[in-house]
Every structure is written in structure tokens, then in C-alpha cells.
Amino acid sequence: MNTALRLAFAAVALVSNLTSQQVLDTMDEPPTELVSLVVLNATADQEAAVGEALVKFADAGLALPPLVIEFSAEAELCNGHAGMYRPRSFEDPAVADKIDICNRLPQILIHELAHAWERHFATDEAREALLGRWDLESWNDHSDDWHDRGGERAADTIAYTLTIDEPTDNDIFRRYVCGFEQLTGTDLPAAVIGTDCAGFTI
């Protein structure tokens, strides 16, 4: 494990009961980088899901920007969607990006966190390669169907790769997993090493 890539949560300000020490306790090595995080309206299960998701990103070497994560049982918070990523810092650098979660599935949280990683850390070259990989025309054109946007494919690439816990022979999952290294510039997580990527690389 490269501790230089681990996320530290010593600066975490959690409005719920999850403390920075509880997050740190899930990690097997002392972290070295700080990320500011605020979690709102989370149940105990949701708090645990946040901690588990952050560890998945840290273990994969994927940094995250400062974030506010708010949970709600009302779909209105998420504009009727299961989750929403709002890149507020690009309009005001003093304001953290926000993730709204209106669905209990852990996959939704990881998908929205993946949007945050992509917006801040994906390279232009990686974005262009992903568009070519999926034969897509736009990154985030809202006139396109949701699955025809590169940004959504990028988030799914990260989310599927981080949540699969063993090498996969499922062709749909393989297409995502086998694009992970090209998108992120990091190695495949240990759990999916061994996935046969023959025919799924470009």
C-alpha cells in the first residue's frame, strides 16, 4: 500500500456520529493526505457506508476533493434521481462540492463519489479515450441519454471496479473493469486482478 496515496480524515467534520477516528480505524496504515468531509442526516448504516466507500477510494489510490454529503429519504433533494453530484467548487473555490444521496444502495454513493474524482482528477486524454472506448460523442451533454454520456460511463467504470470483490467473467462488468486503469492512471484494485481483459482494451 502506498501511504502517500491514502486519504486522511483527521480534518473531517462530521455532523452525524461518524468521527474521523472511526474512519481512521478502518485503515491499515497511517494516512498522509487530508480531505475535508461533512456528512449530513446520515443513519448509522449510512455513516458506515461512507466510511467503507472512502476506504475503497483510498485503497485504489483515488483522491477526493473536499465534499459535503447529504442523505435524504426525499427524492426532491436529488432532483428525482437516486443521487446527485454538484461540483460547486468550480463556481466558488471556497465552497465544497456536494453529493446528495436519496437511495440506500451503497453503489449510488460510490457512483457519485466517482463523479467527484473524475471532475477533479481525470485528464483530458483519459476522457477522450473513454469516449472512444464506448463510442460516445459527448461527456455531459444533457440532450443525450444518461448512458450515452461519457461522465456517467466514467463514474460507472470506477463504481463497478471498486465494488466487485473478485475477478469477473461478466462481459458487461469486464468492459468497465478493463477500462479502469486507462481512466484513472492507477492499477486495478487487488480484488479484481485476474479479470480477463482480452478484447476489452483499446
C-alpha atoms as a PDB file:
ATOM      1  CA  MET A   1       0.000   0.000   0.000  1.00  0.00           C
ATOM      2  CA  ASN A   2       1.380   3.405  -0.969  1.00  0.00           C
ATOM      3  CA  THR A   3       0.580   5.554   2.050  1.00  0.00           C
ATOM      4  CA  ALA A   4       1.242   8.695   0.023  1.00  0.00           C
ATOM      5  CA  LEU A   5      -1.999   7.922  -1.778  1.00  0.00           C
ATOM      6  CA  ARG A   6      -4.069   7.190   1.335  1.00  0.00           C
ATOM      7  CA  LEU A   7      -6.742   9.674   2.350  1.00  0.00           C
ATOM      8  CA  ALA A   8      -6.595  11.154   5.829  1.00  0.00           C
ATOM      9  CA  PHE A   9      -9.703  12.163   7.644  1.00  0.00           C
ATOM     10  CA  ALA A  10      -8.112  13.920  10.609  1.00  0.00           C
ATOM     11  CA  ALA A  11      -9.724  17.116   9.315  1.00  0.00           C
ATOM     12  CA  VAL A  12     -13.140  15.540   8.874  1.00  0.00           C
ATOM     13  CA  ALA A  13     -16.070  17.443  10.352  1.00  0.00           C
ATOM     14  CA  LEU A  14     -18.966  15.022  10.533  1.00  0.00           C
ATOM     15  CA  VAL A  15     -22.294  16.443  11.633  1.00  0.00           C
ATOM     16  CA  SER A  16     -23.555  12.928  12.346  1.00  0.00           C
ATOM     17  CA  ASN A  17     -21.941  10.477  14.762  1.00  0.00           C
ATOM     18  CA  LEU A  18     -19.156   9.239  12.490  1.00  0.00           C
ATOM     19  CA  THR A  19     -15.848  10.608  13.744  1.00  0.00           C
ATOM     20  CA  SER A  20     -12.570  10.994  11.926  1.00  0.00           C
ATOM     21  CA  GLN A  21     -11.058   8.451  14.317  1.00  0.00           C
ATOM     22  CA  GLN A  22     -13.680   5.859  13.352  1.00  0.00           C
ATOM     23  CA  VAL A  23     -12.729   6.306   9.713  1.00  0.00           C
ATOM     24  CA  LEU A  24      -9.035   6.146  10.518  1.00  0.00           C
ATOM     25  CA  ASP A  25      -9.598   2.951  12.497  1.00  0.00           C
ATOM     26  CA  THR A  26     -10.733   1.190   9.305  1.00  0.00           C
ATOM     27  CA  MET A  27      -7.360   1.832   7.632  1.00  0.00           C
ATOM     28  CA  ASP A  28      -4.375  -0.459   7.989  1.00  0.00           C
ATOM     29  CA  GLU A  29      -1.717   2.260   7.595  1.00  0.00           C
ATOM     30  CA  PRO A  30      -1.354   5.862   8.767  1.00  0.00           C
ATOM     31  CA  PRO A  31      -2.690   8.163   6.023  1.00  0.00           C
ATOM     32  CA  THR A  32      -0.817  11.196   4.812  1.00  0.00           C
ATOM     33  CA  GLU A  33      -3.229  13.378   2.827  1.00  0.00           C
ATOM     34  CA  LEU A  34      -6.097  15.443   4.200  1.00  0.00           C
ATOM     35  CA  VAL A  35      -9.577  15.730   2.773  1.00  0.00           C
ATOM     36  CA  SER A  36     -12.361  17.796   4.292  1.00  0.00           C
ATOM     37  CA  LEU A  37     -15.674  15.987   4.599  1.00  0.00           C
ATOM     38  CA  VAL A  38     -19.041  16.877   6.100  1.00  0.00           C
ATOM     39  CA  VAL A  39     -21.821  14.270   6.294  1.00  0.00           C
ATOM     40  CA  LEU A  40     -25.405  15.392   6.965  1.00  0.00           C
ATOM     41  CA  ASN A  41     -28.530  13.493   8.056  1.00  0.00           C
ATOM     42  CA  ALA A  42     -26.915  10.055   7.950  1.00  0.00           C
ATOM     43  CA  THR A  43     -28.189   6.980   9.751  1.00  0.00           C
ATOM     44  CA  ALA A  44     -25.712   4.634  11.398  1.00  0.00           C
ATOM     45  CA  ASP A  45     -25.793   2.382   8.327  1.00  0.00           C
ATOM     46  CA  GLN A  46     -25.200   5.349   6.031  1.00  0.00           C
ATOM     47  CA  GLU A  47     -22.311   6.516   8.198  1.00  0.00           C
ATOM     48  CA  ALA A  48     -20.757   3.081   7.860  1.00  0.00           C
ATOM     49  CA  ALA A  49     -21.317   3.161   4.088  1.00  0.00           C
ATOM     50  CA  VAL A  50     -19.473   6.487   3.852  1.00  0.00           C
ATOM     51  CA  GLY A  51     -16.512   5.090   5.776  1.00  0.00           C
ATOM     52  CA  GLU A  52     -16.400   1.950   3.642  1.00  0.00           C
ATOM     53  CA  ALA A  53     -16.645   3.941   0.406  1.00  0.00           C
ATOM     54  CA  LEU A  54     -13.851   6.293   1.408  1.00  0.00           C
ATOM     55  CA  VAL A  55     -11.602   3.366   2.230  1.00  0.00           C
ATOM     56  CA  LYS A  56     -12.316   1.822  -1.202  1.00  0.00           C
ATOM     57  CA  PHE A  57     -11.190   5.052  -2.878  1.00  0.00           C
ATOM     58  CA  ALA A  58      -8.142   5.323  -0.650  1.00  0.00           C
ATOM     59  CA  ASP A  59      -7.116   1.723  -1.267  1.00  0.00           C
ATOM     60  CA  ALA A  60      -7.446   2.294  -5.036  1.00  0.00           C
ATOM     61  CA  GLY A  61      -5.244   5.398  -4.833  1.00  0.00           C
ATOM     62  CA  LEU A  62      -8.084   7.731  -5.859  1.00  0.00           C
ATOM     63  CA  ALA A  63      -8.050  11.088  -4.093  1.00  0.00           C
ATOM     64  CA  LEU A  64     -11.221  13.034  -3.423  1.00  0.00           C
ATOM     65  CA  PRO A  65     -11.881  16.788  -3.196  1.00  0.00           C
ATOM     66  CA  PRO A  66     -13.492  18.437  -0.147  1.00  0.00           C
ATOM     67  CA  LEU A  67     -17.099  17.274  -0.006  1.00  0.00           C
ATOM     68  CA  VAL A  68     -20.425  17.713   1.709  1.00  0.00           C
ATOM     69  CA  ILE A  69     -22.518  14.525   1.579  1.00  0.00           C
ATOM     70  CA  GLU A  70     -26.180  14.826   2.494  1.00  0.00           C
ATOM     71  CA  PHE A  71     -28.608  11.930   2.843  1.00  0.00           C
ATOM     72  CA  SER A  72     -32.365  12.207   2.441  1.00  0.00           C
ATOM     73  CA  ALA A  73     -35.362   9.912   2.109  1.00  0.00           C
ATOM     74  CA  GLU A  74     -36.979  12.512  -0.150  1.00  0.00           C
ATOM     75  CA  ALA A  75     -36.156  12.343  -3.859  1.00  0.00           C
ATOM     76  CA  GLU A  76     -36.610  16.108  -4.163  1.00  0.00           C
ATOM     77  CA  LEU A  77     -33.123  16.680  -2.707  1.00  0.00           C
ATOM     78  CA  CYS A  78     -31.705  14.746  -5.656  1.00  0.00           C
ATOM     79  CA  ASN A  79     -33.973  16.290  -8.293  1.00  0.00           C
ATOM     80  CA  GLY A  80     -35.823  12.982  -8.556  1.00  0.00           C
ATOM     81  CA  HIS A  81     -32.641  10.945  -9.044  1.00  0.00           C
ATOM     82  CA  ALA A  82     -31.078   8.341  -6.763  1.00  0.00           C
ATOM     83  CA  GLY A  83     -28.087  10.637  -6.229  1.00  0.00           C
ATOM     84  CA  MET A  84     -26.636  13.927  -7.437  1.00  0.00           C
ATOM     85  CA  TYR A  85     -23.104  15.303  -7.619  1.00  0.00           C
ATOM     86  CA  ARG A  86     -22.903  19.084  -7.570  1.00  0.00           C
ATOM     87  CA  PRO A  87     -19.444  20.490  -8.486  1.00  0.00           C
ATOM     88  CA  ARG A  88     -19.944  23.747  -6.595  1.00  0.00           C
ATOM     89  CA  SER A  89     -16.234  24.428  -6.117  1.00  0.00           C
ATOM     90  CA  PHE A  90     -15.819  25.189  -9.822  1.00  0.00           C
ATOM     91  CA  GLU A  91     -18.057  28.242  -9.352  1.00  0.00           C
ATOM     92  CA  ASP A  92     -16.727  29.199  -5.906  1.00  0.00           C
ATOM     93  CA  PRO A  93     -13.422  27.632  -4.769  1.00  0.00           C
ATOM     94  CA  ALA A  94     -14.330  28.458  -1.158  1.00  0.00           C
ATOM     95  CA  VAL A  95     -17.334  26.108  -1.306  1.00  0.00           C
ATOM     96  CA  ALA A  96     -17.009  22.323  -1.187  1.00  0.00           C
ATOM     97  CA  ASP A  97     -18.621  20.135  -3.816  1.00  0.00           C
ATOM     98  CA  LYS A  98     -21.851  18.462  -2.686  1.00  0.00           C
ATOM     99  CA  ILE A  99     -23.210  14.952  -3.071  1.00  0.00           C
ATOM    100  CA  ASP A 100     -26.880  14.302  -2.367  1.00  0.00           C
ATOM    101  CA  ILE A 101     -27.960  10.699  -1.798  1.00  0.00           C
ATOM    102  CA  CYS A 102     -31.633   9.661  -1.908  1.00  0.00           C
ATOM    103  CA  ASN A 103     -31.175   5.899  -2.242  1.00  0.00           C
ATOM    104  CA  ARG A 104     -29.840   3.372   0.276  1.00  0.00           C
ATOM    105  CA  LEU A 105     -27.865   1.326  -2.255  1.00  0.00           C
ATOM    106  CA  PRO A 106     -24.106   1.720  -1.484  1.00  0.00           C
ATOM    107  CA  GLN A 107     -23.432   1.652  -5.249  1.00  0.00           C
ATOM    108  CA  ILE A 108     -25.126   5.052  -5.593  1.00  0.00           C
ATOM    109  CA  LEU A 109     -22.783   6.690  -3.083  1.00  0.00           C
ATOM    110  CA  ILE A 110     -19.709   5.237  -4.782  1.00  0.00           C
ATOM    111  CA  HIS A 111     -21.013   6.323  -8.200  1.00  0.00           C
ATOM    112  CA  GLU A 112     -21.424   9.909  -7.013  1.00  0.00           C
ATOM    113  CA  LEU A 113     -18.011   9.902  -5.334  1.00  0.00           C
ATOM    114  CA  ALA A 114     -16.625   8.694  -8.667  1.00  0.00           C
ATOM    115  CA  HIS A 115     -18.110  11.773 -10.331  1.00  0.00           C
ATOM    116  CA  ALA A 116     -16.203  13.920  -7.838  1.00  0.00           C
ATOM    117  CA  TRP A 117     -12.946  12.111  -8.595  1.00  0.00           C
ATOM    118  CA  GLU A 118     -13.490  12.392 -12.359  1.00  0.00           C
ATOM    119  CA  ARG A 119     -14.327  16.083 -12.300  1.00  0.00           C
ATOM    120  CA  HIS A 120     -11.208  16.972 -10.343  1.00  0.00           C
ATOM    121  CA  PHE A 121      -8.615  14.424 -11.405  1.00  0.00           C
ATOM    122  CA  ALA A 122      -9.361  12.783 -14.777  1.00  0.00           C
ATOM    123  CA  THR A 123      -7.134  14.002 -17.606  1.00  0.00           C
ATOM    124  CA  ASP A 124      -8.415  15.253 -20.948  1.00  0.00           C
ATOM    125  CA  GLU A 125      -6.599  12.354 -22.600  1.00  0.00           C
ATOM    126  CA  ALA A 126      -8.363   9.842 -20.337  1.00  0.00           C
ATOM    127  CA  ARG A 127     -11.738  11.417 -21.097  1.00  0.00           C
ATOM    128  CA  GLU A 128     -11.125  11.246 -24.841  1.00  0.00           C
ATOM    129  CA  ALA A 129     -10.013   7.631 -24.569  1.00  0.00           C
ATOM    130  CA  LEU A 130     -13.160   6.705 -22.648  1.00  0.00           C
ATOM    131  CA  LEU A 131     -15.383   8.349 -25.259  1.00  0.00           C
ATOM    132  CA  GLY A 132     -13.642   6.300 -27.915  1.00  0.00           C
ATOM    133  CA  ARG A 133     -13.850   3.137 -25.852  1.00  0.00           C
ATOM    134  CA  TRP A 134     -17.642   3.403 -25.594  1.00  0.00           C
ATOM    135  CA  ASP A 135     -18.162   5.079 -28.987  1.00  0.00           C
ATOM    136  CA  LEU A 136     -19.735   8.145 -27.367  1.00  0.00           C
ATOM    137  CA  GLU A 137     -19.895  11.700 -28.662  1.00  0.00           C
ATOM    138  CA  SER A 138     -20.190  13.845 -25.545  1.00  0.00           C
ATOM    139  CA  TRP A 139     -19.020  13.918 -21.952  1.00  0.00           C
ATOM    140  CA  ASN A 140     -22.015  15.566 -20.305  1.00  0.00           C
ATOM    141  CA  ASP A 141     -24.499  16.708 -22.929  1.00  0.00           C
ATOM    142  CA  HIS A 142     -27.879  16.576 -21.191  1.00  0.00           C
ATOM    143  CA  SER A 143     -29.620  16.182 -24.543  1.00  0.00           C
ATOM    144  CA  ASP A 144     -28.024  12.718 -24.714  1.00  0.00           C
ATOM    145  CA  ASP A 145     -29.459   9.711 -22.932  1.00  0.00           C
ATOM    146  CA  TRP A 146     -27.930   9.190 -19.482  1.00  0.00           C
ATOM    147  CA  HIS A 147     -25.932   6.127 -20.587  1.00  0.00           C
ATOM    148  CA  ASP A 148     -24.647   7.959 -23.662  1.00  0.00           C
ATOM    149  CA  ARG A 149     -22.693  10.487 -21.594  1.00  0.00           C
ATOM    150  CA  GLY A 150     -19.009   9.912 -21.007  1.00  0.00           C
ATOM    151  CA  GLY A 151     -19.157  11.258 -17.472  1.00  0.00           C
ATOM    152  CA  GLU A 152     -21.696   8.603 -16.485  1.00  0.00           C
ATOM    153  CA  ARG A 153     -19.641   5.829 -18.058  1.00  0.00           C
ATOM    154  CA  ALA A 154     -16.605   7.101 -16.162  1.00  0.00           C
ATOM    155  CA  ALA A 155     -18.465   7.046 -12.847  1.00  0.00           C
ATOM    156  CA  ASP A 156     -19.747   3.542 -13.571  1.00  0.00           C
ATOM    157  CA  THR A 157     -16.243   2.391 -14.508  1.00  0.00           C
ATOM    158  CA  ILE A 158     -14.964   3.404 -11.084  1.00  0.00           C
ATOM    159  CA  ALA A 159     -18.054   2.295  -9.167  1.00  0.00           C
ATOM    160  CA  TYR A 160     -18.208  -1.198 -10.679  1.00  0.00           C
ATOM    161  CA  THR A 161     -14.468  -1.732 -10.304  1.00  0.00           C
ATOM    162  CA  LEU A 162     -14.449  -0.706  -6.640  1.00  0.00           C
ATOM    163  CA  THR A 163     -17.495  -2.769  -5.671  1.00  0.00           C
ATOM    164  CA  ILE A 164     -16.724  -6.073  -7.416  1.00  0.00           C
ATOM    165  CA  ASP A 165     -14.908  -8.276  -4.908  1.00  0.00           C
ATOM    166  CA  GLU A 166     -13.398 -10.887  -7.224  1.00  0.00           C
ATOM    167  CA  PRO A 167     -12.233 -11.251 -10.838  1.00  0.00           C
ATOM    168  CA  THR A 168     -15.272 -11.193 -13.120  1.00  0.00           C
ATOM    169  CA  ASP A 169     -16.188 -13.031 -16.312  1.00  0.00           C
ATOM    170  CA  ASN A 170     -19.365 -10.981 -16.803  1.00  0.00           C
ATOM    171  CA  ASP A 171     -18.900  -9.200 -20.147  1.00  0.00           C
ATOM    172  CA  ILE A 172     -20.643  -6.006 -19.006  1.00  0.00           C
ATOM    173  CA  PHE A 173     -18.580  -5.741 -15.831  1.00  0.00           C
ATOM    174  CA  ARG A 174     -15.385  -6.690 -17.690  1.00  0.00           C
ATOM    175  CA  ARG A 175     -15.818  -3.758 -20.058  1.00  0.00           C
ATOM    176  CA  TYR A 176     -15.903  -1.387 -17.102  1.00  0.00           C
ATOM    177  CA  VAL A 177     -13.170  -3.060 -15.047  1.00  0.00           C
ATOM    178  CA  CYS A 178     -10.833  -3.305 -18.029  1.00  0.00           C
ATOM    179  CA  GLY A 179     -11.129   0.451 -18.628  1.00  0.00           C
ATOM    180  CA  PHE A 180     -10.293   1.410 -15.049  1.00  0.00           C
ATOM    181  CA  GLU A 181      -6.525   1.760 -15.439  1.00  0.00           C
ATOM    182  CA  GLN A 182      -6.851   3.796 -18.634  1.00  0.00           C
ATOM    183  CA  LEU A 183      -9.302   6.180 -16.962  1.00  0.00           C
ATOM    184  CA  THR A 184      -7.638   6.592 -13.573  1.00  0.00           C
ATOM    185  CA  GLY A 185      -3.961   6.018 -14.276  1.00  0.00           C
ATOM    186  CA  THR A 186      -3.825   3.645 -11.279  1.00  0.00           C
ATOM    187  CA  ASP A 187      -3.538  -0.126 -11.037  1.00  0.00           C
ATOM    188  CA  LEU A 188      -6.579  -2.355 -10.812  1.00  0.00           C
ATOM    189  CA  PRO A 189      -7.693  -2.996  -7.216  1.00  0.00           C
ATOM    190  CA  ALA A 190      -6.353  -6.289  -5.901  1.00  0.00           C
ATOM    191  CA  ALA A 191      -9.844  -7.839  -5.727  1.00  0.00           C
ATOM    192  CA  VAL A 192     -10.340  -7.751  -9.497  1.00  0.00           C
ATOM    193  CA  ILE A 193      -6.810  -8.580 -10.619  1.00  0.00           C
ATOM    194  CA  GLY A 194      -7.128 -11.662 -12.771  1.00  0.00           C
ATOM    195  CA  THR A 195     -10.094 -10.403 -14.760  1.00  0.00           C
ATOM    196  CA  ASP A 196      -9.506 -11.426 -18.378  1.00  0.00           C
ATOM    197  CA  CYS A 197      -9.380  -8.203 -20.387  1.00  0.00           C
ATOM    198  CA  ALA A 198      -8.690  -9.812 -23.758  1.00  0.00           C
ATOM    199  CA  GLY A 199     -10.834  -7.981 -26.285  1.00  0.00           C
ATOM    200  CA  PHE A 200     -11.811  -5.309 -23.781  1.00  0.00           C
ATOM    201  CA  THR A 201      -8.819  -2.989 -24.068  1.00  0.00           C
ATOM    202  CA  ILE A 202      -8.063  -0.336 -26.669  1.00  0.00           C
END
